């Protein structure tokens, strides 16, 4: 269940970050409320796997997947372009997340 909680936390974090973009500096009510609620739920669900999994591994997965999903949303939804350096950097983040998940003995699968 720890990875399910982590996945839920990542989803709420990505939704909150997307709403944050739409809040225009907290000047729009509904996106601002969605941001606060989303981050609150994200941190709650993030706290659950931290009871048993190493904080470094949980944070690496949280931030890595969050970056990947937010970048994809920015590219598709907000039409934000990516240059080669950004694509390579995000690819390296993805590679790091895969290495941690597939080869690390620090986590219990």
C-alpha atoms as a PDB file:
ATOM      1  CA  UNK A   1       0.000   0.000   0.000  1.00  0.00           C
ATOM      2  CA  UNK A   2       2.940   2.359   0.511  1.00  0.00           C
ATOM      3  CA  UNK A   3       3.475   2.746  -3.225  1.00  0.00           C
ATOM      4  CA  UNK A   4      -0.257   3.306  -3.752  1.00  0.00           C
ATOM      5  CA  UNK A   5      -0.136   6.105  -1.170  1.00  0.00           C
ATOM      6  CA  UNK A   6       2.936   7.539  -2.871  1.00  0.00           C
ATOM      7  CA  UNK A   7       1.208   7.426  -6.257  1.00  0.00           C
ATOM      8  CA  UNK A   8      -1.835   9.200  -4.799  1.00  0.00           C
ATOM      9  CA  UNK A   9       0.452  11.830  -3.274  1.00  0.00           C
ATOM     10  CA  UNK A  10       2.118  12.393  -6.645  1.00  0.00           C
ATOM     11  CA  UNK A  11      -1.250  12.768  -8.382  1.00  0.00           C
ATOM     12  CA  UNK A  12      -2.415  15.371  -5.846  1.00  0.00           C
ATOM     13  CA  UNK A  13       0.905  17.225  -6.085  1.00  0.00           C
ATOM     14  CA  UNK A  14       0.685  17.354  -9.881  1.00  0.00           C
ATOM     15  CA  UNK A  15      -2.934  18.532  -9.737  1.00  0.00           C
ATOM     16  CA  UNK A  16      -2.022  21.184  -7.155  1.00  0.00           C
ATOM     17  CA  UNK A  17       0.909  22.438  -9.205  1.00  0.00           C
ATOM     18  CA  UNK A  18      -1.275  22.616 -12.310  1.00  0.00           C
ATOM     19  CA  UNK A  19      -3.893  24.563 -10.338  1.00  0.00           C
ATOM     20  CA  UNK A  20      -1.130  26.828  -9.012  1.00  0.00           C
ATOM     21  CA  UNK A  21      -0.290  27.828 -12.580  1.00  0.00           C
ATOM     22  CA  UNK A  22      -3.961  28.569 -13.191  1.00  0.00           C
ATOM     23  CA  UNK A  23      -4.284  30.615  -9.980  1.00  0.00           C
ATOM     24  CA  UNK A  24      -2.218  33.476 -11.451  1.00  0.00           C
ATOM     25  CA  UNK A  25      -0.425  34.208  -8.195  1.00  0.00           C
ATOM     26  CA  UNK A  26      -3.417  33.284  -6.022  1.00  0.00           C
ATOM     27  CA  UNK A  27      -5.590  35.954  -7.662  1.00  0.00           C
ATOM     28  CA  UNK A  28      -8.235  33.447  -8.857  1.00  0.00           C
ATOM     29  CA  UNK A  29     -10.300  31.795  -6.118  1.00  0.00           C
ATOM     30  CA  UNK A  30     -11.044  28.266  -7.380  1.00  0.00           C
ATOM     31  CA  UNK A  31      -7.582  27.403  -8.683  1.00  0.00           C
ATOM     32  CA  UNK A  32      -6.123  28.840  -5.461  1.00  0.00           C
ATOM     33  CA  UNK A  33      -8.386  26.665  -3.315  1.00  0.00           C
ATOM     34  CA  UNK A  34      -7.565  23.632  -5.466  1.00  0.00           C
ATOM     35  CA  UNK A  35      -3.860  24.362  -4.977  1.00  0.00           C
ATOM     36  CA  UNK A  36      -4.109  24.510  -1.187  1.00  0.00           C
ATOM     37  CA  UNK A  37      -6.340  21.428  -0.976  1.00  0.00           C
ATOM     38  CA  UNK A  38      -4.190  19.488  -3.437  1.00  0.00           C
ATOM     39  CA  UNK A  39      -0.956  20.190  -1.592  1.00  0.00           C
ATOM     40  CA  UNK A  40      -2.596  19.356   1.739  1.00  0.00           C
ATOM     41  CA  UNK A  41      -3.753  15.979   0.439  1.00  0.00           C
ATOM     42  CA  UNK A  42      -0.427  15.399  -1.299  1.00  0.00           C
ATOM     43  CA  UNK A  43       1.527  15.914   1.918  1.00  0.00           C
ATOM     44  CA  UNK A  44      -0.875  13.738   3.887  1.00  0.00           C
ATOM     45  CA  UNK A  45      -0.498  10.834   1.453  1.00  0.00           C
ATOM     46  CA  UNK A  46       3.252  11.463   1.215  1.00  0.00           C
ATOM     47  CA  UNK A  47       3.517  11.092   4.995  1.00  0.00           C
ATOM     48  CA  UNK A  48       2.108   7.547   4.915  1.00  0.00           C
ATOM     49  CA  UNK A  49       4.922   5.762   3.025  1.00  0.00           C
ATOM     50  CA  UNK A  50       7.468   7.765   5.024  1.00  0.00           C
ATOM     51  CA  UNK A  51       6.511   5.669   8.049  1.00  0.00           C
ATOM     52  CA  UNK A  52       8.368   2.668   6.594  1.00  0.00           C
ATOM     53  CA  UNK A  53      10.339   3.695   3.482  1.00  0.00           C
ATOM     54  CA  UNK A  54      13.561   5.731   3.473  1.00  0.00           C
ATOM     55  CA  UNK A  55      12.889   9.453   3.141  1.00  0.00           C
ATOM     56  CA  UNK A  56      15.507   9.904   0.417  1.00  0.00           C
ATOM     57  CA  UNK A  57      14.005   7.218  -1.790  1.00  0.00           C
ATOM     58  CA  UNK A  58      10.434   8.437  -1.256  1.00  0.00           C
ATOM     59  CA  UNK A  59      11.438  12.010  -2.032  1.00  0.00           C
ATOM     60  CA  UNK A  60      13.388  10.962  -5.122  1.00  0.00           C
ATOM     61  CA  UNK A  61      10.362   9.118  -6.490  1.00  0.00           C
ATOM     62  CA  UNK A  62       7.963  11.917  -5.505  1.00  0.00           C
ATOM     63  CA  UNK A  63      10.020  14.649  -7.111  1.00  0.00           C
ATOM     64  CA  UNK A  64      11.100  12.621 -10.139  1.00  0.00           C
ATOM     65  CA  UNK A  65       7.635  11.530 -11.155  1.00  0.00           C
ATOM     66  CA  UNK A  66       6.233  14.947 -10.280  1.00  0.00           C
ATOM     67  CA  UNK A  67       8.727  16.631 -12.603  1.00  0.00           C
ATOM     68  CA  UNK A  68       7.949  14.213 -15.402  1.00  0.00           C
ATOM     69  CA  UNK A  69       4.186  14.616 -15.145  1.00  0.00           C
ATOM     70  CA  UNK A  70       4.259  18.402 -14.703  1.00  0.00           C
ATOM     71  CA  UNK A  71       6.580  18.729 -17.689  1.00  0.00           C
ATOM     72  CA  UNK A  72       4.203  16.642 -19.794  1.00  0.00           C
ATOM     73  CA  UNK A  73       1.229  18.753 -18.680  1.00  0.00           C
ATOM     74  CA  UNK A  74       3.138  21.936 -19.433  1.00  0.00           C
ATOM     75  CA  UNK A  75       4.019  20.654 -22.870  1.00  0.00           C
ATOM     76  CA  UNK A  76       0.582  19.331 -23.827  1.00  0.00           C
ATOM     77  CA  UNK A  77      -1.814  21.617 -21.980  1.00  0.00           C
ATOM     78  CA  UNK A  78       0.070  24.915 -21.674  1.00  0.00           C
ATOM     79  CA  UNK A  79       1.968  24.533 -24.985  1.00  0.00           C
ATOM     80  CA  UNK A  80       5.319  25.141 -23.277  1.00  0.00           C
ATOM     81  CA  UNK A  81       8.209  24.146 -25.490  1.00  0.00           C
ATOM     82  CA  UNK A  82      11.229  22.122 -24.414  1.00  0.00           C
ATOM     83  CA  UNK A  83      14.715  22.499 -25.807  1.00  0.00           C
ATOM     84  CA  UNK A  84      17.217  19.667 -26.134  1.00  0.00           C
ATOM     85  CA  UNK A  85      18.861  20.396 -22.768  1.00  0.00           C
ATOM     86  CA  UNK A  86      15.486  20.190 -20.993  1.00  0.00           C
ATOM     87  CA  UNK A  87      14.623  16.927 -22.708  1.00  0.00           C
ATOM     88  CA  UNK A  88      18.003  15.392 -21.858  1.00  0.00           C
ATOM     89  CA  UNK A  89      17.764  16.578 -18.242  1.00  0.00           C
ATOM     90  CA  UNK A  90      14.280  15.164 -17.806  1.00  0.00           C
ATOM     91  CA  UNK A  91      15.450  11.922 -19.411  1.00  0.00           C
ATOM     92  CA  UNK A  92      18.214  11.727 -16.808  1.00  0.00           C
ATOM     93  CA  UNK A  93      15.654  12.247 -14.046  1.00  0.00           C
ATOM     94  CA  UNK A  94      13.579   9.406 -15.489  1.00  0.00           C
ATOM     95  CA  UNK A  95      16.686   7.223 -15.647  1.00  0.00           C
ATOM     96  CA  UNK A  96      17.406   7.986 -11.989  1.00  0.00           C
ATOM     97  CA  UNK A  97      13.880   7.064 -10.932  1.00  0.00           C
ATOM     98  CA  UNK A  98      14.148   3.792 -12.858  1.00  0.00           C
ATOM     99  CA  UNK A  99      17.537   2.950 -11.325  1.00  0.00           C
ATOM    100  CA  UNK A 100      16.186   3.550  -7.810  1.00  0.00           C
ATOM    101  CA  UNK A 101      13.087   1.436  -8.449  1.00  0.00           C
ATOM    102  CA  UNK A 102      14.743  -1.419 -10.290  1.00  0.00           C
ATOM    103  CA  UNK A 103      18.123  -1.781  -8.610  1.00  0.00           C
ATOM    104  CA  UNK A 104      18.161  -0.154  -5.171  1.00  0.00           C
ATOM    105  CA  UNK A 105      18.235  -2.409  -2.146  1.00  0.00           C
ATOM    106  CA  UNK A 106      17.188   0.561  -0.004  1.00  0.00           C
ATOM    107  CA  UNK A 107      13.524  -0.037  -0.739  1.00  0.00           C
ATOM    108  CA  UNK A 108      11.315  -3.022  -0.143  1.00  0.00           C
ATOM    109  CA  UNK A 109       9.372  -3.991  -3.274  1.00  0.00           C
END
